């Protein structure tokens, strides 16, 4: 290194870009006028925005307008949607939101003010959202099954491959006069009359 200010600035900028590219998600850093200072490649990929709209010095409102016109923020007037999105930056407050892109992908977006600007991080949470929905479906199915099992007037039970009961409903207690919990582990053959 030659010790010059230009060389040092270039090294720092290169180092910053290297750090941004190693982060788990897209990152865009804005100045106080919401012009792009720098971003990583994943930000452009996640937002699916043309490279020329992500160049340093580019006014972020143009990227937001591009996305609004494409329908990324849902139906409505593109200019109104652009104003709404840009207003998230206006107060300089931190925000977190999740939005679904038209292609079905879910992006988790975190925006934080920094000295003389703003930083926004984007993360694809599509798989996480799908897993959460699948878990909710399983939970709902389990609740329906449990309700059916508990409310049935019939003898309902489940036995393992060894022929021993592991789950019975309350009708077993009524008919056999034995505690349902005590029937757990009982060979089913012992209960056949």
N, C-alpha and C. Protein backbone atom coordinates (compact mmCIF):
# COMPACT_ATOMS: atom_id res chain seq x y z
N UNK A 1 0.84 -1.18 0.00
CA UNK A 1 0.00 0.00 0.00
C UNK A 1 0.88 1.24 0.00
N UNK A 2 0.53 2.23 -0.77
CA UNK A 2 1.38 3.42 -0.91
C UNK A 2 1.08 4.48 0.14
N UNK A 3 0.06 4.26 0.97
CA UNK A 3 -0.24 5.19 2.03
C UNK A 3 -1.09 6.37 1.58
N UNK A 4 -1.40 6.45 0.29
CA UNK A 4 -2.21 7.58 -0.18
C UNK A 4 -3.66 7.39 0.24
N UNK A 5 -4.34 8.51 0.33
CA UNK A 5 -5.75 8.50 0.73
C UNK A 5 -6.60 7.76 -0.29
N UNK A 6 -6.32 7.95 -1.59
CA UNK A 6 -7.10 7.29 -2.64
C UNK A 6 -6.95 5.78 -2.54
N UNK A 7 -5.73 5.30 -2.33
CA UNK A 7 -5.49 3.86 -2.20
C UNK A 7 -6.19 3.31 -0.98
N UNK A 8 -6.15 4.02 0.13
CA UNK A 8 -6.78 3.59 1.36
C UNK A 8 -8.30 3.54 1.21
N UNK A 9 -8.88 4.53 0.56
CA UNK A 9 -10.33 4.57 0.33
C UNK A 9 -10.75 3.41 -0.56
N UNK A 10 -9.95 3.13 -1.60
CA UNK A 10 -10.27 2.04 -2.50
C UNK A 10 -10.19 0.70 -1.75
N UNK A 11 -9.18 0.52 -0.91
CA UNK A 11 -9.06 -0.70 -0.13
C UNK A 11 -10.24 -0.88 0.83
N UNK A 12 -10.63 0.21 1.48
CA UNK A 12 -11.75 0.17 2.41
C UNK A 12 -13.04 -0.17 1.67
N UNK A 13 -13.26 0.45 0.52
CA UNK A 13 -14.44 0.18 -0.27
C UNK A 13 -14.48 -1.27 -0.72
N UNK A 14 -13.35 -1.78 -1.15
CA UNK A 14 -13.26 -3.16 -1.60
C UNK A 14 -13.52 -4.12 -0.42
N UNK A 15 -12.99 -3.77 0.74
CA UNK A 15 -13.19 -4.59 1.93
C UNK A 15 -14.67 -4.58 2.33
N UNK A 16 -15.30 -3.41 2.29
CA UNK A 16 -16.72 -3.30 2.62
C UNK A 16 -17.55 -4.16 1.67
N UNK A 17 -17.25 -4.09 0.38
CA UNK A 17 -17.99 -4.89 -0.60
C UNK A 17 -17.79 -6.38 -0.32
N UNK A 18 -16.60 -6.77 0.05
CA UNK A 18 -16.33 -8.17 0.40
C UNK A 18 -17.16 -8.63 1.59
N UNK A 19 -17.27 -7.77 2.60
CA UNK A 19 -18.07 -8.10 3.78
C UNK A 19 -19.54 -8.22 3.39
N UNK A 20 -20.05 -7.28 2.61
CA UNK A 20 -21.46 -7.32 2.20
C UNK A 20 -21.79 -8.59 1.43
N UNK A 21 -20.85 -9.05 0.61
CA UNK A 21 -21.09 -10.25 -0.18
C UNK A 21 -21.07 -11.52 0.64
N UNK A 22 -20.53 -11.48 1.85
CA UNK A 22 -20.50 -12.68 2.69
C UNK A 22 -21.70 -12.77 3.63
N UNK A 23 -22.47 -11.70 3.74
CA UNK A 23 -23.62 -11.69 4.63
C UNK A 23 -24.72 -12.60 4.10
N UNK A 24 -25.49 -13.16 5.00
CA UNK A 24 -26.59 -14.04 4.63
C UNK A 24 -27.83 -13.25 4.25
N UNK A 25 -27.85 -12.69 3.09
CA UNK A 25 -28.99 -11.93 2.63
C UNK A 25 -28.54 -10.76 1.78
N UNK A 26 -29.52 -10.09 1.22
CA UNK A 26 -29.22 -8.92 0.43
C UNK A 26 -29.08 -7.70 1.32
N UNK A 27 -28.17 -6.80 0.97
CA UNK A 27 -27.93 -5.60 1.75
C UNK A 27 -27.79 -4.41 0.80
N UNK A 28 -28.47 -3.32 1.16
CA UNK A 28 -28.31 -2.06 0.43
C UNK A 28 -28.06 -0.97 1.46
N UNK A 29 -27.07 -0.16 1.21
CA UNK A 29 -26.76 0.99 2.07
C UNK A 29 -27.11 2.25 1.28
N UNK A 30 -27.88 3.13 1.92
CA UNK A 30 -28.32 4.38 1.30
C UNK A 30 -27.70 5.56 2.03
N UNK A 31 -27.56 6.67 1.32
CA UNK A 31 -27.15 7.90 1.98
C UNK A 31 -28.40 8.60 2.51
N UNK A 32 -28.23 9.79 3.07
CA UNK A 32 -29.36 10.50 3.67
C UNK A 32 -30.40 10.95 2.64
N UNK A 33 -30.04 10.97 1.37
CA UNK A 33 -30.97 11.34 0.29
C UNK A 33 -31.58 10.10 -0.37
N UNK A 34 -31.39 8.95 0.24
CA UNK A 34 -31.86 7.67 -0.28
C UNK A 34 -31.31 7.33 -1.66
N UNK A 35 -30.04 7.68 -1.85
CA UNK A 35 -29.31 7.24 -3.03
C UNK A 35 -28.50 6.02 -2.61
N UNK A 36 -28.38 5.05 -3.51
CA UNK A 36 -27.63 3.83 -3.23
C UNK A 36 -26.16 4.19 -3.04
N UNK A 37 -25.60 3.78 -1.91
CA UNK A 37 -24.17 3.93 -1.67
C UNK A 37 -23.48 2.66 -2.17
N UNK A 38 -24.00 1.53 -1.74
CA UNK A 38 -23.48 0.23 -2.20
C UNK A 38 -24.52 -0.83 -1.90
N UNK A 39 -24.36 -1.97 -2.53
CA UNK A 39 -25.25 -3.11 -2.29
C UNK A 39 -24.49 -4.37 -2.65
N UNK A 40 -25.03 -5.50 -2.22
CA UNK A 40 -24.40 -6.74 -2.64
C UNK A 40 -25.23 -7.38 -3.76
N UNK A 41 -24.65 -8.37 -4.41
CA UNK A 41 -25.31 -9.00 -5.56
C UNK A 41 -26.61 -9.69 -5.15
N UNK A 42 -26.66 -10.21 -3.93
CA UNK A 42 -27.86 -10.92 -3.49
C UNK A 42 -29.06 -9.97 -3.36
N UNK A 43 -28.82 -8.71 -3.04
CA UNK A 43 -29.92 -7.74 -2.97
C UNK A 43 -30.58 -7.60 -4.34
N UNK A 44 -29.77 -7.46 -5.36
CA UNK A 44 -30.31 -7.34 -6.72
C UNK A 44 -31.06 -8.61 -7.10
N UNK A 45 -30.50 -9.76 -6.75
CA UNK A 45 -31.14 -11.04 -7.08
C UNK A 45 -32.48 -11.21 -6.35
N UNK A 46 -32.49 -10.95 -5.04
CA UNK A 46 -33.71 -11.12 -4.26
C UNK A 46 -34.82 -10.16 -4.69
N UNK A 47 -34.43 -8.94 -5.02
CA UNK A 47 -35.42 -7.94 -5.43
C UNK A 47 -35.75 -8.02 -6.91
N UNK A 48 -34.91 -8.74 -7.66
CA UNK A 48 -35.08 -8.88 -9.10
C UNK A 48 -35.20 -7.51 -9.77
N UNK A 49 -34.21 -6.68 -9.46
CA UNK A 49 -34.17 -5.31 -9.99
C UNK A 49 -32.99 -5.20 -10.95
N UNK A 50 -33.15 -4.52 -12.06
CA UNK A 50 -32.04 -4.37 -13.00
C UNK A 50 -30.81 -3.73 -12.33
N UNK A 51 -29.64 -4.18 -12.75
CA UNK A 51 -28.37 -3.72 -12.17
C UNK A 51 -28.22 -2.21 -12.22
N UNK A 52 -28.70 -1.58 -13.29
CA UNK A 52 -28.51 -0.13 -13.41
C UNK A 52 -29.27 0.64 -12.33
N UNK A 53 -30.33 0.04 -11.76
CA UNK A 53 -31.07 0.70 -10.69
C UNK A 53 -30.41 0.51 -9.32
N UNK A 54 -29.39 -0.34 -9.25
CA UNK A 54 -28.71 -0.62 -7.99
C UNK A 54 -27.31 0.01 -7.94
N UNK A 55 -26.94 0.74 -8.95
CA UNK A 55 -25.60 1.34 -9.00
C UNK A 55 -25.47 2.43 -7.94
N UNK A 56 -24.26 2.62 -7.41
CA UNK A 56 -24.03 3.71 -6.46
C UNK A 56 -24.44 5.05 -7.06
N UNK A 57 -25.14 5.86 -6.25
CA UNK A 57 -25.62 7.16 -6.68
C UNK A 57 -27.04 7.12 -7.23
N UNK A 58 -27.55 5.93 -7.52
CA UNK A 58 -28.90 5.79 -8.07
C UNK A 58 -29.93 6.14 -7.00
N UNK A 59 -30.93 6.93 -7.37
CA UNK A 59 -32.01 7.30 -6.46
C UNK A 59 -32.89 6.07 -6.22
N UNK A 60 -33.06 5.68 -4.98
CA UNK A 60 -33.79 4.46 -4.63
C UNK A 60 -35.25 4.51 -5.06
N UNK A 61 -35.80 5.69 -5.16
CA UNK A 61 -37.20 5.81 -5.56
C UNK A 61 -37.44 5.19 -6.94
N UNK A 62 -36.44 5.21 -7.80
CA UNK A 62 -36.58 4.61 -9.14
C UNK A 62 -36.72 3.09 -9.04
N UNK A 63 -36.00 2.48 -8.14
CA UNK A 63 -36.11 1.02 -7.94
C UNK A 63 -37.47 0.67 -7.36
N UNK A 64 -37.92 1.48 -6.42
CA UNK A 64 -39.23 1.24 -5.80
C UNK A 64 -40.33 1.42 -6.85
N UNK A 65 -40.21 2.45 -7.66
CA UNK A 65 -41.20 2.70 -8.72
C UNK A 65 -41.21 1.53 -9.71
N UNK A 66 -40.03 1.05 -10.09
CA UNK A 66 -39.94 -0.10 -11.00
C UNK A 66 -40.70 -1.30 -10.41
N UNK A 67 -40.46 -1.59 -9.13
CA UNK A 67 -41.12 -2.72 -8.47
C UNK A 67 -42.63 -2.49 -8.37
N UNK A 68 -43.05 -1.27 -8.09
CA UNK A 68 -44.48 -0.96 -7.97
C UNK A 68 -45.18 -1.13 -9.31
N UNK A 69 -44.53 -0.66 -10.37
CA UNK A 69 -45.12 -0.80 -11.71
C UNK A 69 -45.22 -2.26 -12.12
N UNK A 70 -44.31 -3.08 -11.64
CA UNK A 70 -44.31 -4.52 -11.94
C UNK A 70 -45.36 -5.26 -11.11
N UNK A 71 -45.84 -4.62 -10.03
CA UNK A 71 -46.86 -5.25 -9.19
C UNK A 71 -46.33 -5.88 -7.92
N UNK A 72 -45.08 -5.60 -7.58
CA UNK A 72 -44.47 -6.20 -6.39
C UNK A 72 -45.18 -5.82 -5.10
N UNK A 73 -45.82 -4.67 -5.06
CA UNK A 73 -46.46 -4.20 -3.83
C UNK A 73 -47.98 -4.39 -3.87
N UNK A 74 -48.43 -5.19 -4.82
CA UNK A 74 -49.85 -5.47 -4.94
C UNK A 74 -50.53 -4.54 -5.92
N UNK A 75 -51.86 -4.69 -6.01
CA UNK A 75 -52.60 -3.85 -6.96
C UNK A 75 -52.68 -2.41 -6.45
N UNK A 76 -52.86 -1.51 -7.37
CA UNK A 76 -53.01 -0.10 -7.01
C UNK A 76 -52.16 0.78 -7.89
N UNK A 77 -52.30 2.06 -7.67
CA UNK A 77 -51.56 3.05 -8.43
C UNK A 77 -50.08 2.98 -8.06
N UNK A 78 -49.23 2.84 -9.07
CA UNK A 78 -47.79 2.67 -8.85
C UNK A 78 -47.18 3.85 -8.10
N UNK A 79 -47.63 5.07 -8.40
CA UNK A 79 -47.07 6.24 -7.72
C UNK A 79 -47.47 6.26 -6.24
N UNK A 80 -48.72 5.91 -5.95
CA UNK A 80 -49.17 5.87 -4.56
C UNK A 80 -48.40 4.79 -3.78
N UNK A 81 -48.23 3.63 -4.41
CA UNK A 81 -47.49 2.55 -3.75
C UNK A 81 -46.03 2.95 -3.54
N UNK A 82 -45.45 3.64 -4.51
CA UNK A 82 -44.07 4.11 -4.39
C UNK A 82 -43.95 5.06 -3.20
N UNK A 83 -44.88 5.99 -3.08
CA UNK A 83 -44.88 6.94 -1.97
C UNK A 83 -45.00 6.22 -0.63
N UNK A 84 -45.88 5.20 -0.57
CA UNK A 84 -46.05 4.45 0.68
C UNK A 84 -44.76 3.74 1.08
N UNK A 85 -44.10 3.10 0.12
CA UNK A 85 -42.86 2.37 0.43
C UNK A 85 -41.76 3.34 0.84
N UNK A 86 -41.60 4.42 0.12
CA UNK A 86 -40.56 5.40 0.44
C UNK A 86 -40.82 6.04 1.80
N UNK A 87 -42.09 6.14 2.20
CA UNK A 87 -42.40 6.75 3.50
C UNK A 87 -41.86 5.92 4.67
N UNK A 88 -41.58 4.64 4.43
CA UNK A 88 -40.97 3.83 5.48
C UNK A 88 -39.61 4.39 5.89
N UNK A 89 -38.92 5.00 4.94
CA UNK A 89 -37.59 5.56 5.20
C UNK A 89 -37.67 6.95 5.82
N UNK A 90 -38.73 7.67 5.54
CA UNK A 90 -38.82 9.09 5.89
C UNK A 90 -38.56 9.41 7.36
N UNK A 91 -39.22 8.73 8.30
CA UNK A 91 -39.01 9.12 9.69
C UNK A 91 -37.63 8.73 10.22
N UNK A 92 -36.92 7.91 9.48
CA UNK A 92 -35.61 7.47 9.96
C UNK A 92 -35.71 6.43 11.05
N UNK A 93 -36.88 5.79 11.18
CA UNK A 93 -37.07 4.76 12.19
C UNK A 93 -36.76 3.39 11.60
N UNK A 94 -36.38 2.48 12.47
CA UNK A 94 -36.16 1.11 12.05
C UNK A 94 -37.51 0.46 11.73
N UNK A 95 -37.50 -0.46 10.82
CA UNK A 95 -38.72 -1.20 10.51
C UNK A 95 -38.36 -2.63 10.11
N UNK A 96 -39.32 -3.50 10.27
CA UNK A 96 -39.22 -4.89 9.83
C UNK A 96 -40.55 -5.26 9.23
N UNK A 97 -40.51 -5.87 8.07
CA UNK A 97 -41.74 -6.33 7.44
C UNK A 97 -41.45 -7.55 6.58
N UNK A 98 -42.49 -8.25 6.24
CA UNK A 98 -42.39 -9.37 5.32
C UNK A 98 -43.33 -9.08 4.18
N UNK A 99 -42.85 -9.28 2.97
CA UNK A 99 -43.72 -9.06 1.83
C UNK A 99 -43.58 -10.23 0.87
N UNK A 100 -44.69 -10.52 0.21
CA UNK A 100 -44.68 -11.60 -0.76
C UNK A 100 -44.54 -11.00 -2.15
N UNK A 101 -43.57 -11.54 -2.88
CA UNK A 101 -43.37 -11.08 -4.25
C UNK A 101 -44.40 -11.75 -5.17
N UNK A 102 -44.63 -11.19 -6.34
CA UNK A 102 -45.59 -11.79 -7.27
C UNK A 102 -45.26 -13.24 -7.64
N UNK A 103 -43.98 -13.61 -7.58
CA UNK A 103 -43.59 -14.99 -7.91
C UNK A 103 -43.82 -15.96 -6.75
N UNK A 104 -44.37 -15.44 -5.63
CA UNK A 104 -44.67 -16.29 -4.47
C UNK A 104 -43.60 -16.29 -3.40
N UNK A 105 -42.43 -15.76 -3.68
CA UNK A 105 -41.35 -15.72 -2.70
C UNK A 105 -41.68 -14.72 -1.59
N UNK A 106 -41.28 -15.06 -0.37
CA UNK A 106 -41.47 -14.16 0.77
C UNK A 106 -40.12 -13.55 1.14
N UNK A 107 -40.11 -12.23 1.26
CA UNK A 107 -38.89 -11.53 1.68
C UNK A 107 -39.12 -10.89 3.04
N UNK A 108 -38.19 -11.13 3.94
CA UNK A 108 -38.19 -10.45 5.23
C UNK A 108 -37.25 -9.26 5.05
N UNK A 109 -37.73 -8.08 5.40
CA UNK A 109 -36.97 -6.85 5.15
C UNK A 109 -36.79 -6.10 6.46
N UNK A 110 -35.54 -5.77 6.75
CA UNK A 110 -35.20 -5.01 7.95
C UNK A 110 -34.51 -3.73 7.50
N UNK A 111 -35.02 -2.60 7.93
CA UNK A 111 -34.41 -1.32 7.63
C UNK A 111 -33.98 -0.64 8.92
N UNK A 112 -32.78 -0.09 8.93
CA UNK A 112 -32.25 0.57 10.12
C UNK A 112 -31.52 1.85 9.72
N UNK A 113 -31.81 2.94 10.44
CA UNK A 113 -31.05 4.17 10.17
C UNK A 113 -29.61 4.00 10.65
N UNK A 114 -28.70 4.59 9.92
CA UNK A 114 -27.30 4.64 10.33
C UNK A 114 -26.86 6.09 10.19
N UNK A 115 -25.69 6.40 10.68
CA UNK A 115 -25.20 7.77 10.57
C UNK A 115 -25.14 8.18 9.09
N UNK A 116 -25.83 9.22 8.76
CA UNK A 116 -25.86 9.78 7.40
C UNK A 116 -26.50 8.85 6.37
N UNK A 117 -27.44 8.01 6.83
CA UNK A 117 -28.09 7.15 5.84
C UNK A 117 -28.98 6.07 6.44
N UNK A 118 -29.05 4.99 5.70
CA UNK A 118 -29.97 3.91 6.05
C UNK A 118 -29.40 2.62 5.48
N UNK A 119 -29.61 1.52 6.18
CA UNK A 119 -29.21 0.21 5.66
C UNK A 119 -30.44 -0.69 5.68
N UNK A 120 -30.62 -1.43 4.61
CA UNK A 120 -31.74 -2.36 4.50
C UNK A 120 -31.19 -3.74 4.17
N UNK A 121 -31.73 -4.72 4.89
CA UNK A 121 -31.31 -6.12 4.68
C UNK A 121 -32.52 -6.91 4.22
N UNK A 122 -32.32 -7.75 3.22
CA UNK A 122 -33.38 -8.58 2.66
C UNK A 122 -32.99 -10.05 2.84
N UNK A 123 -33.97 -10.85 3.21
CA UNK A 123 -33.70 -12.28 3.38
C UNK A 123 -34.88 -13.06 2.82
N UNK A 124 -34.59 -14.08 2.03
CA UNK A 124 -35.64 -14.95 1.48
C UNK A 124 -36.08 -15.90 2.58
N UNK A 125 -37.35 -15.79 2.99
CA UNK A 125 -37.89 -16.65 4.05
C UNK A 125 -39.02 -17.54 3.52
N UNK A 126 -38.99 -17.79 2.21
CA UNK A 126 -40.04 -18.58 1.57
C UNK A 126 -40.14 -19.97 2.19
N UNK A 127 -39.01 -20.67 2.30
CA UNK A 127 -39.04 -22.01 2.87
C UNK A 127 -39.52 -21.99 4.31
N UNK A 128 -39.06 -21.03 5.07
CA UNK A 128 -39.49 -20.90 6.47
C UNK A 128 -41.00 -20.69 6.54
N UNK A 129 -41.55 -19.83 5.71
CA UNK A 129 -43.00 -19.57 5.70
C UNK A 129 -43.77 -20.83 5.31
N UNK A 130 -43.27 -21.56 4.32
CA UNK A 130 -43.94 -22.80 3.90
C UNK A 130 -43.89 -23.84 5.01
N UNK A 131 -42.77 -23.94 5.71
CA UNK A 131 -42.65 -24.88 6.82
C UNK A 131 -43.60 -24.51 7.95
N UNK A 132 -43.71 -23.22 8.24
CA UNK A 132 -44.63 -22.76 9.28
C UNK A 132 -46.08 -23.09 8.92
N UNK A 133 -46.43 -22.90 7.65
CA UNK A 133 -47.79 -23.22 7.20
C UNK A 133 -48.04 -24.73 7.27
N UNK A 134 -47.06 -25.52 6.89
CA UNK A 134 -47.21 -26.98 6.98
C UNK A 134 -47.39 -27.40 8.43
N UNK A 135 -46.65 -26.79 9.34
CA UNK A 135 -46.79 -27.10 10.76
C UNK A 135 -48.18 -26.71 11.26
N UNK A 136 -48.68 -25.56 10.82
CA UNK A 136 -50.04 -25.16 11.20
C UNK A 136 -51.07 -26.17 10.68
N UNK A 137 -50.86 -26.66 9.44
CA UNK A 137 -51.77 -27.67 8.88
C UNK A 137 -51.75 -28.95 9.70
N UNK A 138 -50.55 -29.39 10.09
CA UNK A 138 -50.43 -30.60 10.91
C UNK A 138 -51.11 -30.40 12.26
N UNK A 139 -50.91 -29.24 12.85
CA UNK A 139 -51.51 -28.94 14.15
C UNK A 139 -53.03 -28.94 14.04
N UNK A 140 -53.56 -28.31 12.99
CA UNK A 140 -55.02 -28.30 12.79
C UNK A 140 -55.55 -29.71 12.59
N UNK A 141 -54.85 -30.53 11.82
CA UNK A 141 -55.27 -31.92 11.59
C UNK A 141 -55.24 -32.70 12.89
N UNK A 142 -54.19 -32.51 13.66
CA UNK A 142 -54.08 -33.21 14.95
C UNK A 142 -55.22 -32.79 15.88
N UNK A 143 -55.57 -31.52 15.89
CA UNK A 143 -56.66 -31.05 16.74
C UNK A 143 -58.00 -31.64 16.31
N UNK A 144 -58.22 -31.72 14.98
CA UNK A 144 -59.46 -32.33 14.49
C UNK A 144 -59.53 -33.80 14.88
N UNK A 145 -58.40 -34.50 14.70
CA UNK A 145 -58.35 -35.92 15.07
C UNK A 145 -58.62 -36.08 16.57
N UNK A 146 -57.97 -35.27 17.39
CA UNK A 146 -58.12 -35.36 18.84
C UNK A 146 -59.57 -35.12 19.24
N UNK A 147 -60.19 -34.15 18.62
CA UNK A 147 -61.60 -33.84 18.93
C UNK A 147 -62.51 -35.01 18.54
N UNK A 148 -62.29 -35.57 17.35
CA UNK A 148 -63.06 -36.73 16.91
C UNK A 148 -62.86 -37.89 17.88
N UNK A 149 -61.64 -38.15 18.25
CA UNK A 149 -61.28 -39.27 19.12
C UNK A 149 -61.97 -39.12 20.49
N UNK A 150 -61.93 -37.91 21.02
CA UNK A 150 -62.50 -37.66 22.35
C UNK A 150 -64.03 -37.67 22.36
N UNK A 151 -64.67 -37.24 21.28
CA UNK A 151 -66.12 -37.10 21.26
C UNK A 151 -66.86 -38.33 20.75
N UNK A 152 -66.14 -39.30 20.25
CA UNK A 152 -66.79 -40.48 19.69
C UNK A 152 -67.44 -41.33 20.79
N UNK A 153 -68.62 -41.88 20.47
CA UNK A 153 -69.31 -42.79 21.38
C UNK A 153 -68.82 -44.23 21.19
N UNK A 154 -67.98 -44.45 20.22
CA UNK A 154 -67.45 -45.78 19.96
C UNK A 154 -66.15 -46.00 20.71
N UNK A 155 -65.78 -47.28 20.88
CA UNK A 155 -64.47 -47.61 21.45
C UNK A 155 -63.42 -47.33 20.39
N UNK A 156 -62.60 -46.37 20.65
CA UNK A 156 -61.50 -46.06 19.73
C UNK A 156 -60.19 -46.23 20.47
N UNK A 157 -59.28 -46.88 19.83
CA UNK A 157 -57.97 -47.06 20.43
C UNK A 157 -56.93 -47.32 19.37
N UNK A 158 -55.69 -47.17 19.77
CA UNK A 158 -54.59 -47.47 18.86
C UNK A 158 -53.64 -48.40 19.59
N UNK A 159 -53.17 -49.37 18.83
CA UNK A 159 -52.21 -50.33 19.38
C UNK A 159 -50.97 -50.32 18.51
N UNK A 160 -49.86 -50.65 19.12
CA UNK A 160 -48.61 -50.73 18.38
C UNK A 160 -48.49 -52.06 17.66
N UNK A 161 -47.40 -52.25 16.95
CA UNK A 161 -47.19 -53.50 16.22
C UNK A 161 -47.07 -54.70 17.14
N UNK A 162 -46.83 -54.43 18.44
CA UNK A 162 -46.75 -55.52 19.42
C UNK A 162 -48.12 -55.90 19.98
N UNK A 163 -49.19 -55.26 19.50
CA UNK A 163 -50.54 -55.58 19.93
C UNK A 163 -50.93 -54.96 21.26
N UNK A 164 -50.12 -54.05 21.79
CA UNK A 164 -50.44 -53.39 23.06
C UNK A 164 -51.06 -52.02 22.79
N UNK A 165 -52.11 -51.72 23.55
CA UNK A 165 -52.77 -50.43 23.44
C UNK A 165 -51.84 -49.31 23.92
N UNK A 166 -51.86 -48.22 23.21
CA UNK A 166 -51.12 -47.05 23.71
C UNK A 166 -52.02 -45.82 23.80
N UNK A 167 -53.15 -45.84 23.14
CA UNK A 167 -54.08 -44.72 23.21
C UNK A 167 -55.50 -45.27 23.16
N UNK A 168 -56.33 -44.81 24.08
CA UNK A 168 -57.75 -45.20 24.07
C UNK A 168 -58.58 -43.96 24.41
N UNK A 169 -59.84 -43.96 23.95
CA UNK A 169 -60.70 -42.85 24.32
C UNK A 169 -61.45 -43.19 25.61
N UNK A 170 -62.22 -42.24 26.11
CA UNK A 170 -62.90 -42.40 27.40
C UNK A 170 -64.01 -43.46 27.37
N UNK A 171 -64.48 -43.85 26.20
CA UNK A 171 -65.52 -44.88 26.12
C UNK A 171 -65.03 -46.21 26.69
N UNK A 172 -63.73 -46.46 26.63
CA UNK A 172 -63.17 -47.68 27.21
C UNK A 172 -63.43 -47.71 28.71
N UNK A 173 -63.26 -46.56 29.36
CA UNK A 173 -63.51 -46.46 30.80
C UNK A 173 -64.97 -46.78 31.11
N UNK A 174 -65.88 -46.20 30.31
CA UNK A 174 -67.30 -46.39 30.55
C UNK A 174 -67.70 -47.85 30.39
N UNK A 175 -67.20 -48.49 29.36
CA UNK A 175 -67.61 -49.86 29.07
C UNK A 175 -66.89 -50.88 29.95
N UNK A 176 -65.60 -50.70 30.16
CA UNK A 176 -64.82 -51.68 30.95
C UNK A 176 -64.76 -51.34 32.42
N UNK A 177 -65.08 -50.12 32.77
CA UNK A 177 -65.01 -49.72 34.17
C UNK A 177 -63.58 -49.62 34.68
N UNK A 178 -62.63 -49.44 33.79
CA UNK A 178 -61.22 -49.30 34.18
C UNK A 178 -60.71 -47.95 33.70
N UNK A 179 -59.74 -47.43 34.42
CA UNK A 179 -59.14 -46.14 34.08
C UNK A 179 -58.47 -46.25 32.70
N UNK A 180 -58.77 -45.29 31.82
CA UNK A 180 -58.22 -45.31 30.47
C UNK A 180 -56.70 -45.30 30.49
N UNK A 181 -56.11 -44.56 31.41
CA UNK A 181 -54.65 -44.49 31.49
C UNK A 181 -54.06 -45.85 31.87
N UNK A 182 -54.79 -46.62 32.68
CA UNK A 182 -54.30 -47.94 33.11
C UNK A 182 -54.32 -48.95 31.96
N UNK A 183 -55.10 -48.67 30.93
CA UNK A 183 -55.17 -49.57 29.79
C UNK A 183 -53.96 -49.44 28.86
N UNK A 184 -53.22 -48.36 29.01
CA UNK A 184 -52.04 -48.15 28.18
C UNK A 184 -51.03 -49.26 28.45
N UNK A 185 -50.58 -49.89 27.40
CA UNK A 185 -49.63 -50.99 27.52
C UNK A 185 -50.29 -52.35 27.63
N UNK A 186 -51.60 -52.38 27.80
CA UNK A 186 -52.35 -53.64 27.91
C UNK A 186 -52.41 -54.32 26.55
N UNK A 187 -52.11 -55.64 26.49
CA UNK A 187 -52.27 -56.34 25.21
C UNK A 187 -53.75 -56.34 24.81
N UNK A 188 -54.02 -55.98 23.59
CA UNK A 188 -55.39 -55.90 23.10
C UNK A 188 -56.09 -57.25 23.22
N UNK A 189 -55.38 -58.34 23.05
CA UNK A 189 -55.97 -59.68 23.11
C UNK A 189 -56.59 -59.95 24.49
N UNK A 190 -56.02 -59.31 25.55
CA UNK A 190 -56.55 -59.51 26.91
C UNK A 190 -57.91 -58.85 27.08
N UNK A 191 -58.26 -57.94 26.20
CA UNK A 191 -59.51 -57.20 26.35
C UNK A 191 -60.64 -57.71 25.47
N UNK A 192 -60.33 -58.69 24.63
CA UNK A 192 -61.35 -59.25 23.74
C UNK A 192 -62.20 -60.21 24.56
N UNK A 193 -63.50 -60.05 24.51
CA UNK A 193 -64.42 -60.87 25.32
C UNK A 193 -64.71 -62.15 24.64
